[in-house]
Amino acid sequence: MKTGLVSLAAIAAALCTPALAGDAWDEIRPDLYGERVIQSVDGVLSLTAPYRASDDAEVPIEVSVDLPDGRSIKALSIIIDNNPMPVSAVFDLEKARTAFTVEANMRINGPTPVRAVVEATDGSLYMTEGFVKTSGQGACAAPPVTGVDAALASLGEMKVFPVTAEAGAGTATMLASLTGTPTTAPTQSSIAAEKRVRLEMKHPSHSGMQMDQITLLYILARYVETVEVWTDEDKLFTMTGSISLSEDPEMEFTLADPAIKSIRVRMTDTDDTVSEDSFSLGES
């Protein structure tokens, strides 16, 4: 069965049985991790986002990981508990990394806990969490900014360029400090040495819950399924997306080797459309 069909079934189930604010994680956790222990350890993982979203359809969520003992990162998940598809983005790292920072713009459907879970290569799990307040207007069902035909005409266009750490940090506020759950940010020594790259993609990210304002018919779900990033012949990571990704998704991520001068990106959506391009990073 195609992933898109499974995702639509998940959306329908979520709409028929909306989660209560306090119990979504109790249902999500066993489905994803069973009875595995999930640790909260200072200095390993941090989550950054606005405490109150200025735009529910485009909320920047940043996660930084720094494993202190030489282990590598296997996967990093951003989970938005009360979104129709809670597992909003999963980054599977192919290249051994002890430190990694990523930021992505997300739709947040209503006030919700937001959490980041990282899995190390030895199977250990770490989690940090916070809470984002929204207008509660239902960003996943909000009409798209760009008309359907115009969005499809530019679908797949991408831009990549290096950014400074200061620019990448933006104005986001540490969630933990605002929710009463103290969290120590990862050690900055290894993160600061990494090159940060911004990727902007043209894609409507139709959720299947939006109505075309001209035809008044629901727009079929079509969103970014995977984003793969390579440097030379080495794959760095694969991101698996969801309807939580904002329209025209944007993300920033760090490269372990600041000497990297070019990368290749391949985006695949749930209609099996593939867009691929290579980019020179120039001087940062």
C-alpha atoms as a PDB file:
ATOM      1  CA  MET A   1       0.000   0.000   0.000  1.00  0.00           C
ATOM      2  CA  LYS A   2       1.284   3.468  -0.849  1.00  0.00           C
ATOM      3  CA  THR A   3       2.409   5.676   1.996  1.00  0.00           C
ATOM      4  CA  GLY A   4       0.034   8.426   0.890  1.00  0.00           C
ATOM      5  CA  LEU A   5      -2.963   6.110   1.359  1.00  0.00           C
ATOM      6  CA  VAL A   6      -1.785   5.079   4.795  1.00  0.00           C
ATOM      7  CA  SER A   7      -1.334   8.733   5.723  1.00  0.00           C
ATOM      8  CA  LEU A   8      -4.861   9.606   4.591  1.00  0.00           C
ATOM      9  CA  ALA A   9      -6.219   6.791   6.729  1.00  0.00           C
ATOM     10  CA  ALA A  10      -4.276   8.156   9.674  1.00  0.00           C
ATOM     11  CA  ILE A  11      -5.725  11.619   9.062  1.00  0.00           C
ATOM     12  CA  ALA A  12      -9.260  10.241   8.934  1.00  0.00           C
ATOM     13  CA  ALA A  13      -8.743   8.311  12.161  1.00  0.00           C
ATOM     14  CA  ALA A  14      -7.391  11.388  13.863  1.00  0.00           C
ATOM     15  CA  LEU A  15     -10.361  13.482  12.766  1.00  0.00           C
ATOM     16  CA  CYS A  16     -12.853  10.896  13.966  1.00  0.00           C
ATOM     17  CA  THR A  17     -11.177  10.455  17.347  1.00  0.00           C
ATOM     18  CA  PRO A  18      -9.581  13.756  18.367  1.00  0.00           C
ATOM     19  CA  ALA A  19      -6.981  13.392  21.089  1.00  0.00           C
ATOM     20  CA  LEU A  20      -7.434  15.101  24.416  1.00  0.00           C
ATOM     21  CA  ALA A  21      -4.689  17.538  25.359  1.00  0.00           C
ATOM     22  CA  GLY A  22      -3.337  15.312  28.105  1.00  0.00           C
ATOM     23  CA  ASP A  23      -3.539  11.840  26.606  1.00  0.00           C
ATOM     24  CA  ALA A  24      -2.106  12.033  23.075  1.00  0.00           C
ATOM     25  CA  TRP A  25       1.460  11.124  24.094  1.00  0.00           C
ATOM     26  CA  ASP A  26       0.181   8.171  26.146  1.00  0.00           C
ATOM     27  CA  GLU A  27      -1.144   6.716  22.890  1.00  0.00           C
ATOM     28  CA  ILE A  28       1.708   7.826  20.628  1.00  0.00           C
ATOM     29  CA  ARG A  29       4.598   6.616  22.801  1.00  0.00           C
ATOM     30  CA  PRO A  30       3.852   2.850  22.855  1.00  0.00           C
ATOM     31  CA  ASP A  31       3.149   2.830  19.121  1.00  0.00           C
ATOM     32  CA  LEU A  32       6.565   4.356  18.386  1.00  0.00           C
ATOM     33  CA  TYR A  33       8.810   3.035  21.156  1.00  0.00           C
ATOM     34  CA  GLY A  34       6.967   0.271  22.986  1.00  0.00           C
ATOM     35  CA  GLU A  35       8.315  -0.078  26.514  1.00  0.00           C
ATOM     36  CA  ARG A  36      11.792   1.195  25.718  1.00  0.00           C
ATOM     37  CA  VAL A  37      13.291   3.569  28.272  1.00  0.00           C
ATOM     38  CA  ILE A  38      13.376   7.214  27.163  1.00  0.00           C
ATOM     39  CA  GLN A  39      15.888   9.316  29.067  1.00  0.00           C
ATOM     40  CA  SER A  40      16.089  13.032  29.763  1.00  0.00           C
ATOM     41  CA  VAL A  41      19.748  13.979  30.239  1.00  0.00           C
ATOM     42  CA  ASP A  42      21.085  17.519  30.540  1.00  0.00           C
ATOM     43  CA  GLY A  43      23.462  18.541  27.776  1.00  0.00           C
ATOM     44  CA  VAL A  44      22.308  16.007  25.176  1.00  0.00           C
ATOM     45  CA  LEU A  45      19.203  17.486  23.554  1.00  0.00           C
ATOM     46  CA  SER A  46      17.428  20.845  23.317  1.00  0.00           C
ATOM     47  CA  LEU A  47      14.223  22.026  21.655  1.00  0.00           C
ATOM     48  CA  THR A  48      13.609  25.621  20.630  1.00  0.00           C
ATOM     49  CA  ALA A  49      10.413  27.255  19.328  1.00  0.00           C
ATOM     50  CA  PRO A  50       8.161  30.241  19.935  1.00  0.00           C
ATOM     51  CA  TYR A  51       6.151  29.897  23.132  1.00  0.00           C
ATOM     52  CA  ARG A  52       3.205  31.434  21.268  1.00  0.00           C
ATOM     53  CA  ALA A  53       3.084  30.989  17.493  1.00  0.00           C
ATOM     54  CA  SER A  54       2.837  34.196  15.484  1.00  0.00           C
ATOM     55  CA  ASP A  55       1.663  32.154  12.473  1.00  0.00           C
ATOM     56  CA  ASP A  56       0.206  28.697  13.179  1.00  0.00           C
ATOM     57  CA  ALA A  57       0.923  27.636   9.587  1.00  0.00           C
ATOM     58  CA  GLU A  58       4.657  28.338   9.804  1.00  0.00           C
ATOM     59  CA  VAL A  59       6.152  27.683  13.230  1.00  0.00           C
ATOM     60  CA  PRO A  60       9.961  27.238  13.452  1.00  0.00           C
ATOM     61  CA  ILE A  61      10.969  24.197  15.504  1.00  0.00           C
ATOM     62  CA  GLU A  62      14.695  23.712  16.158  1.00  0.00           C
ATOM     63  CA  VAL A  63      16.390  20.714  17.734  1.00  0.00           C
ATOM     64  CA  SER A  64      20.059  20.417  18.714  1.00  0.00           C
ATOM     65  CA  VAL A  65      21.732  17.153  19.678  1.00  0.00           C
ATOM     66  CA  ASP A  66      25.237  16.640  21.053  1.00  0.00           C
ATOM     67  CA  LEU A  67      26.153  13.167  22.277  1.00  0.00           C
ATOM     68  CA  PRO A  68      29.006  13.675  24.759  1.00  0.00           C
ATOM     69  CA  ASP A  69      30.697  10.277  24.697  1.00  0.00           C
ATOM     70  CA  GLY A  70      31.459   9.579  21.047  1.00  0.00           C
ATOM     71  CA  ARG A  71      28.288   7.683  20.184  1.00  0.00           C
ATOM     72  CA  SER A  72      26.585   8.593  16.921  1.00  0.00           C
ATOM     73  CA  ILE A  73      23.063   9.830  16.230  1.00  0.00           C
ATOM     74  CA  LYS A  74      20.853   7.303  14.448  1.00  0.00           C
ATOM     75  CA  ALA A  75      17.596   9.239  14.149  1.00  0.00           C
ATOM     76  CA  LEU A  76      15.915  12.414  15.312  1.00  0.00           C
ATOM     77  CA  SER A  77      12.116  12.803  15.443  1.00  0.00           C
ATOM     78  CA  ILE A  78       9.991  15.932  15.868  1.00  0.00           C
ATOM     79  CA  ILE A  79       6.630  14.995  17.367  1.00  0.00           C
ATOM     80  CA  ILE A  80       3.674  17.390  17.627  1.00  0.00           C
ATOM     81  CA  ASP A  81       1.282  15.536  19.909  1.00  0.00           C
ATOM     82  CA  ASN A  82      -2.058  17.025  18.865  1.00  0.00           C
ATOM     83  CA  ASN A  83      -1.445  17.341  15.128  1.00  0.00           C
ATOM     84  CA  PRO A  84      -3.387  14.935  12.873  1.00  0.00           C
ATOM     85  CA  MET A  85      -0.041  13.307  11.995  1.00  0.00           C
ATOM     86  CA  PRO A  86       1.931  13.669  15.250  1.00  0.00           C
ATOM     87  CA  VAL A  87       5.197  12.228  13.909  1.00  0.00           C
ATOM     88  CA  SER A  88       5.904  15.373  11.954  1.00  0.00           C
ATOM     89  CA  ALA A  89       9.473  14.888  10.689  1.00  0.00           C
ATOM     90  CA  VAL A  90      12.016  12.108  11.149  1.00  0.00           C
ATOM     91  CA  PHE A  91      15.670  12.603  10.240  1.00  0.00           C
ATOM     92  CA  ASP A  92      17.558   9.337   9.693  1.00  0.00           C
ATOM     93  CA  LEU A  93      21.274  10.107   9.695  1.00  0.00           C
ATOM     94  CA  GLU A  94      23.380   8.047   7.313  1.00  0.00           C
ATOM     95  CA  LYS A  95      26.731   9.652   8.101  1.00  0.00           C
ATOM     96  CA  ALA A  96      28.103   9.177  11.629  1.00  0.00           C
ATOM     97  CA  ARG A  97      27.419  12.351  13.608  1.00  0.00           C
ATOM     98  CA  THR A  98      27.848  13.067  17.306  1.00  0.00           C
ATOM     99  CA  ALA A  99      26.230  16.509  16.948  1.00  0.00           C
ATOM    100  CA  PHE A 100      23.426  17.751  14.722  1.00  0.00           C
ATOM    101  CA  THR A 101      21.117  20.750  14.626  1.00  0.00           C
ATOM    102  CA  VAL A 102      18.026  21.042  12.464  1.00  0.00           C
ATOM    103  CA  GLU A 103      15.212  23.576  12.208  1.00  0.00           C
ATOM    104  CA  ALA A 104      12.016  23.130  10.202  1.00  0.00           C
ATOM    105  CA  ASN A 105       8.873  25.211   9.722  1.00  0.00           C
ATOM    106  CA  MET A 106       5.785  23.332  10.871  1.00  0.00           C
ATOM    107  CA  ARG A 107       2.022  23.695  10.835  1.00  0.00           C
ATOM    108  CA  ILE A 108       0.654  23.436  14.365  1.00  0.00           C
ATOM    109  CA  ASN A 109      -3.035  22.639  14.403  1.00  0.00           C
ATOM    110  CA  GLY A 110      -3.738  23.886  17.923  1.00  0.00           C
ATOM    111  CA  PRO A 111      -2.137  24.265  21.374  1.00  0.00           C
ATOM    112  CA  THR A 112       0.019  21.191  21.858  1.00  0.00           C
ATOM    113  CA  PRO A 113       3.031  19.610  23.468  1.00  0.00           C
ATOM    114  CA  VAL A 114       5.968  19.457  21.066  1.00  0.00           C
ATOM    115  CA  ARG A 115       8.799  17.030  21.648  1.00  0.00           C
ATOM    116  CA  ALA A 116      12.072  15.869  20.142  1.00  0.00           C
ATOM    117  CA  VAL A 117      13.271  12.288  20.475  1.00  0.00           C
ATOM    118  CA  VAL A 118      16.773  11.229  19.460  1.00  0.00           C
ATOM    119  CA  GLU A 119      17.962   7.644  19.103  1.00  0.00           C
ATOM    120  CA  ALA A 120      21.683   6.908  19.431  1.00  0.00           C
ATOM    121  CA  THR A 121      23.363   4.114  17.501  1.00  0.00           C
ATOM    122  CA  ASP A 122      23.483   2.001  20.675  1.00  0.00           C
ATOM    123  CA  GLY A 123      19.676   2.145  20.894  1.00  0.00           C
ATOM    124  CA  SER A 124      19.464   4.691  23.706  1.00  0.00           C
ATOM    125  CA  LEU A 125      16.566   7.144  23.479  1.00  0.00           C
ATOM    126  CA  TYR A 126      16.541  10.741  24.728  1.00  0.00           C
ATOM    127  CA  MET A 127      13.657  13.189  24.783  1.00  0.00           C
ATOM    128  CA  THR A 128      12.952  16.819  25.579  1.00  0.00           C
ATOM    129  CA  GLU A 129       9.598  18.559  25.314  1.00  0.00           C
ATOM    130  CA  GLY A 130       7.790  21.866  25.520  1.00  0.00           C
ATOM    131  CA  PHE A 131       4.449  23.448  24.711  1.00  0.00           C
ATOM    132  CA  VAL A 132       3.413  25.769  21.897  1.00  0.00           C
ATOM    133  CA  LYS A 133       0.347  27.959  22.167  1.00  0.00           C
ATOM    134  CA  THR A 134      -1.513  28.816  18.967  1.00  0.00           C
ATOM    135  CA  SER A 135      -4.614  30.687  17.848  1.00  0.00           C
ATOM    136  CA  GLY A 136      -6.362  27.317  17.684  1.00  0.00           C
ATOM    137  CA  GLN A 137      -7.772  27.981  14.218  1.00  0.00           C
ATOM    138  CA  GLY A 138      -6.636  24.653  12.772  1.00  0.00           C
ATOM    139  CA  ALA A 139      -3.593  25.313  10.587  1.00  0.00           C
ATOM    140  CA  CYS A 140      -3.752  21.880   8.961  1.00  0.00           C
ATOM    141  CA  ALA A 141      -7.165  22.731   7.471  1.00  0.00           C
ATOM    142  CA  ALA A 142      -6.456  26.399   6.706  1.00  0.00           C
ATOM    143  CA  PRO A 143      -6.771  27.326   3.003  1.00  0.00           C
ATOM    144  CA  PRO A 144      -3.426  27.304   1.158  1.00  0.00           C
ATOM    145  CA  VAL A 145      -1.781  30.655   0.566  1.00  0.00           C
ATOM    146  CA  THR A 146      -1.010  29.821  -3.071  1.00  0.00           C
ATOM    147  CA  GLY A 147      -3.681  28.645  -5.497  1.00  0.00           C
ATOM    148  CA  VAL A 148      -3.555  25.001  -6.516  1.00  0.00           C
ATOM    149  CA  ASP A 149      -2.492  25.601 -10.136  1.00  0.00           C
ATOM    150  CA  ALA A 150       0.164  28.173  -9.205  1.00  0.00           C
ATOM    151  CA  ALA A 151       1.558  25.915  -6.481  1.00  0.00           C
ATOM    152  CA  LEU A 152       1.868  22.963  -8.834  1.00  0.00           C
ATOM    153  CA  ALA A 153       3.589  25.123 -11.470  1.00  0.00           C
ATOM    154  CA  SER A 154       6.506  25.835  -9.142  1.00  0.00           C
ATOM    155  CA  LEU A 155       6.500  22.499  -7.296  1.00  0.00           C
ATOM    156  CA  GLY A 156      10.000  21.110  -6.804  1.00  0.00           C
ATOM    157  CA  GLU A 157      11.949  24.353  -7.099  1.00  0.00           C
ATOM    158  CA  MET A 158      14.653  24.532  -4.434  1.00  0.00           C
ATOM    159  CA  LYS A 159      17.217  26.953  -3.061  1.00  0.00           C
ATOM    160  CA  VAL A 160      20.179  26.129  -0.822  1.00  0.00           C
ATOM    161  CA  PHE A 161      22.607  28.554   0.780  1.00  0.00           C
ATOM    162  CA  PRO A 162      24.816  28.773   3.886  1.00  0.00           C
ATOM    163  CA  VAL A 163      23.728  30.852   6.866  1.00  0.00           C
ATOM    164  CA  THR A 164      25.476  32.102   9.976  1.00  0.00           C
ATOM    165  CA  ALA A 165      24.664  30.578  13.358  1.00  0.00           C
ATOM    166  CA  GLU A 166      23.200  33.907  14.446  1.00  0.00           C
ATOM    167  CA  ALA A 167      20.848  34.066  11.455  1.00  0.00           C
ATOM    168  CA  GLY A 168      19.788  30.476  11.929  1.00  0.00           C
ATOM    169  CA  ALA A 169      18.938  31.016  15.598  1.00  0.00           C
ATOM    170  CA  GLY A 170      16.240  33.571  14.723  1.00  0.00           C
ATOM    171  CA  THR A 171      14.027  34.858  17.519  1.00  0.00           C
ATOM    172  CA  ALA A 172      12.835  31.503  18.817  1.00  0.00           C
ATOM    173  CA  THR A 173      12.631  31.018  22.575  1.00  0.00           C
ATOM    174  CA  MET A 174      13.754  27.937  24.495  1.00  0.00           C
ATOM    175  CA  LEU A 175      10.575  25.988  25.220  1.00  0.00           C
ATOM    176  CA  ALA A 176      11.800  24.358  28.394  1.00  0.00           C
ATOM    177  CA  SER A 177      12.554  27.644  30.096  1.00  0.00           C
ATOM    178  CA  LEU A 178       8.967  28.775  29.509  1.00  0.00           C
ATOM    179  CA  THR A 179       7.251  25.576  30.556  1.00  0.00           C
ATOM    180  CA  GLY A 180       8.986  25.008  33.861  1.00  0.00           C
ATOM    181  CA  THR A 181      10.991  22.009  32.663  1.00  0.00           C
ATOM    182  CA  PRO A 182      14.669  22.999  32.873  1.00  0.00           C
ATOM    183  CA  THR A 183      16.738  21.677  30.005  1.00  0.00           C
ATOM    184  CA  THR A 184      20.437  22.226  29.439  1.00  0.00           C
ATOM    185  CA  ALA A 185      21.320  22.980  25.843  1.00  0.00           C
ATOM    186  CA  PRO A 186      23.818  20.656  24.167  1.00  0.00           C
ATOM    187  CA  THR A 187      27.476  21.501  24.471  1.00  0.00           C
ATOM    188  CA  GLN A 188      28.149  24.249  21.945  1.00  0.00           C
ATOM    189  CA  SER A 189      31.786  23.438  21.159  1.00  0.00           C
ATOM    190  CA  SER A 190      31.042  20.847  18.488  1.00  0.00           C
ATOM    191  CA  ILE A 191      27.864  22.507  17.206  1.00  0.00           C
ATOM    192  CA  ALA A 192      29.507  25.914  16.768  1.00  0.00           C
ATOM    193  CA  ALA A 193      32.182  24.426  14.509  1.00  0.00           C
ATOM    194  CA  GLU A 194      29.628  23.132  12.026  1.00  0.00           C
ATOM    195  CA  LYS A 195      28.452  24.864   8.847  1.00  0.00           C
ATOM    196  CA  ARG A 196      24.741  25.676   8.809  1.00  0.00           C
ATOM    197  CA  VAL A 197      22.766  25.378   5.565  1.00  0.00           C
ATOM    198  CA  ARG A 198      19.287  26.596   4.648  1.00  0.00           C
ATOM    199  CA  LEU A 199      17.051  24.651   2.254  1.00  0.00           C
ATOM    200  CA  GLU A 200      13.917  26.246   0.804  1.00  0.00           C
ATOM    201  CA  MET A 201      11.520  24.102  -1.220  1.00  0.00           C
ATOM    202  CA  LYS A 202       8.456  24.924  -3.298  1.00  0.00           C
ATOM    203  CA  HIS A 203       5.661  22.508  -2.465  1.00  0.00           C
ATOM    204  CA  PRO A 204       2.000  23.130  -1.538  1.00  0.00           C
ATOM    205  CA  SER A 205       2.048  20.533   1.271  1.00  0.00           C
ATOM    206  CA  HIS A 206      -1.658  19.888   0.831  1.00  0.00           C
ATOM    207  CA  SER A 207      -2.945  18.160   3.943  1.00  0.00           C
ATOM    208  CA  GLY A 208      -6.136  16.620   2.548  1.00  0.00           C
ATOM    209  CA  MET A 209      -8.085  18.745   5.046  1.00  0.00           C
ATOM    210  CA  GLN A 210      -8.016  22.016   3.051  1.00  0.00           C
ATOM    211  CA  MET A 211     -10.797  23.370   0.863  1.00  0.00           C
ATOM    212  CA  ASP A 212     -10.177  24.973  -2.527  1.00  0.00           C
ATOM    213  CA  GLN A 213     -11.598  28.469  -2.134  1.00  0.00           C
ATOM    214  CA  ILE A 214     -12.754  28.559  -5.776  1.00  0.00           C
ATOM    215  CA  THR A 215     -14.294  25.109  -6.268  1.00  0.00           C
ATOM    216  CA  LEU A 216     -15.201  24.611  -2.578  1.00  0.00           C
ATOM    217  CA  LEU A 217     -13.974  21.025  -2.911  1.00  0.00           C
ATOM    218  CA  TYR A 218     -11.391  19.450  -0.644  1.00  0.00           C
ATOM    219  CA  ILE A 219      -7.888  19.345  -2.103  1.00  0.00           C
ATOM    220  CA  LEU A 220      -6.355  15.885  -2.248  1.00  0.00           C
ATOM    221  CA  ALA A 221      -3.470  15.318   0.150  1.00  0.00           C
ATOM    222  CA  ARG A 222      -0.057  15.821  -1.417  1.00  0.00           C
ATOM    223  CA  TYR A 223       2.966  16.619   0.700  1.00  0.00           C
ATOM    224  CA  VAL A 224       6.721  16.127   0.915  1.00  0.00           C
ATOM    225  CA  GLU A 225       7.371  12.486   1.717  1.00  0.00           C
ATOM    226  CA  THR A 226      11.187  12.450   1.801  1.00  0.00           C
ATOM    227  CA  VAL A 227      14.106  14.833   1.488  1.00  0.00           C
ATOM    228  CA  GLU A 228      17.499  13.218   0.909  1.00  0.00           C
ATOM    229  CA  VAL A 229      20.770  15.146   1.178  1.00  0.00           C
ATOM    230  CA  TRP A 230      24.175  14.072  -0.112  1.00  0.00           C
ATOM    231  CA  THR A 231      27.647  15.553  -0.277  1.00  0.00           C
ATOM    232  CA  ASP A 232      29.697  13.957  -3.050  1.00  0.00           C
ATOM    233  CA  GLU A 233      28.828  10.265  -2.789  1.00  0.00           C
ATOM    234  CA  ASP A 234      27.999  10.287   0.932  1.00  0.00           C
ATOM    235  CA  LYS A 235      24.363  10.496   1.947  1.00  0.00           C
ATOM    236  CA  LEU A 236      24.032  12.737   5.004  1.00  0.00           C
ATOM    237  CA  PHE A 237      20.422  12.093   5.974  1.00  0.00           C
ATOM    238  CA  THR A 238      16.918  11.261   4.851  1.00  0.00           C
ATOM    239  CA  MET A 239      14.013  13.249   6.254  1.00  0.00           C
ATOM    240  CA  THR A 240      10.577  11.643   6.202  1.00  0.00           C
ATOM    241  CA  GLY A 241       7.894  14.328   6.247  1.00  0.00           C
ATOM    242  CA  SER A 242       4.177  14.654   6.920  1.00  0.00           C
ATOM    243  CA  ILE A 243       1.295  17.098   6.540  1.00  0.00           C
ATOM    244  CA  SER A 244       2.820  18.988   9.486  1.00  0.00           C
ATOM    245  CA  LEU A 245       5.434  20.492   7.163  1.00  0.00           C
ATOM    246  CA  SER A 246       4.468  24.033   6.226  1.00  0.00           C
ATOM    247  CA  GLU A 247       3.493  25.122   2.739  1.00  0.00           C
ATOM    248  CA  ASP A 248       6.749  25.717   0.813  1.00  0.00           C
ATOM    249  CA  PRO A 249       8.766  23.931   3.541  1.00  0.00           C
ATOM    250  CA  GLU A 250      11.974  25.467   4.822  1.00  0.00           C
ATOM    251  CA  MET A 251      14.641  23.869   6.956  1.00  0.00           C
ATOM    252  CA  GLU A 252      18.134  24.547   8.209  1.00  0.00           C
ATOM    253  CA  PHE A 253      20.666  21.912   9.200  1.00  0.00           C
ATOM    254  CA  THR A 254      24.304  21.660  10.163  1.00  0.00           C
ATOM    255  CA  LEU A 255      27.095  19.977   8.227  1.00  0.00           C
ATOM    256  CA  ALA A 256      29.774  18.317  10.355  1.00  0.00           C
ATOM    257  CA  ASP A 257      32.560  19.325   7.954  1.00  0.00           C
ATOM    258  CA  PRO A 258      32.704  23.108   7.420  1.00  0.00           C
ATOM    259  CA  ALA A 259      34.880  22.503   4.334  1.00  0.00           C
ATOM    260  CA  ILE A 260      31.938  21.018   2.407  1.00  0.00           C
ATOM    261  CA  LYS A 261      31.376  23.213  -0.660  1.00  0.00           C
ATOM    262  CA  SER A 262      28.410  21.563  -2.356  1.00  0.00           C
ATOM    263  CA  ILE A 263      25.457  19.294  -1.653  1.00  0.00           C
ATOM    264  CA  ARG A 264      22.821  17.430  -3.645  1.00  0.00           C
ATOM    265  CA  VAL A 265      19.157  17.351  -2.616  1.00  0.00           C
ATOM    266  CA  ARG A 266      16.362  15.047  -3.771  1.00  0.00           C
ATOM    267  CA  MET A 267      12.770  15.685  -2.741  1.00  0.00           C
ATOM    268  CA  THR A 268      10.026  13.102  -3.312  1.00  0.00           C
ATOM    269  CA  ASP A 269       6.354  13.760  -2.611  1.00  0.00           C
ATOM    270  CA  THR A 270       3.412  11.464  -1.993  1.00  0.00           C
ATOM    271  CA  ASP A 271       2.457  11.587  -5.695  1.00  0.00           C
ATOM    272  CA  ASP A 272       5.910  10.120  -6.510  1.00  0.00           C
ATOM    273  CA  THR A 273       7.103  13.377  -8.039  1.00  0.00           C
ATOM    274  CA  VAL A 274      10.887  13.591  -7.707  1.00  0.00           C
ATOM    275  CA  SER A 275      12.810  16.874  -7.763  1.00  0.00           C
ATOM    276  CA  GLU A 276      16.598  16.859  -7.591  1.00  0.00           C
ATOM    277  CA  ASP A 277      19.292  19.509  -7.801  1.00  0.00           C
ATOM    278  CA  SER A 278      22.888  20.218  -6.781  1.00  0.00           C
ATOM    279  CA  PHE A 279      24.039  23.375  -5.070  1.00  0.00           C
ATOM    280  CA  SER A 280      27.311  25.150  -4.429  1.00  0.00           C
ATOM    281  CA  LEU A 281      27.542  26.439  -0.891  1.00  0.00           C
ATOM    282  CA  GLY A 282      30.215  29.009  -1.721  1.00  0.00           C
ATOM    283  CA  GLU A 283      31.779  30.739   1.237  1.00  0.00           C
ATOM    284  CA  SER A 284      30.003  30.920   4.565  1.00  0.00           C
END
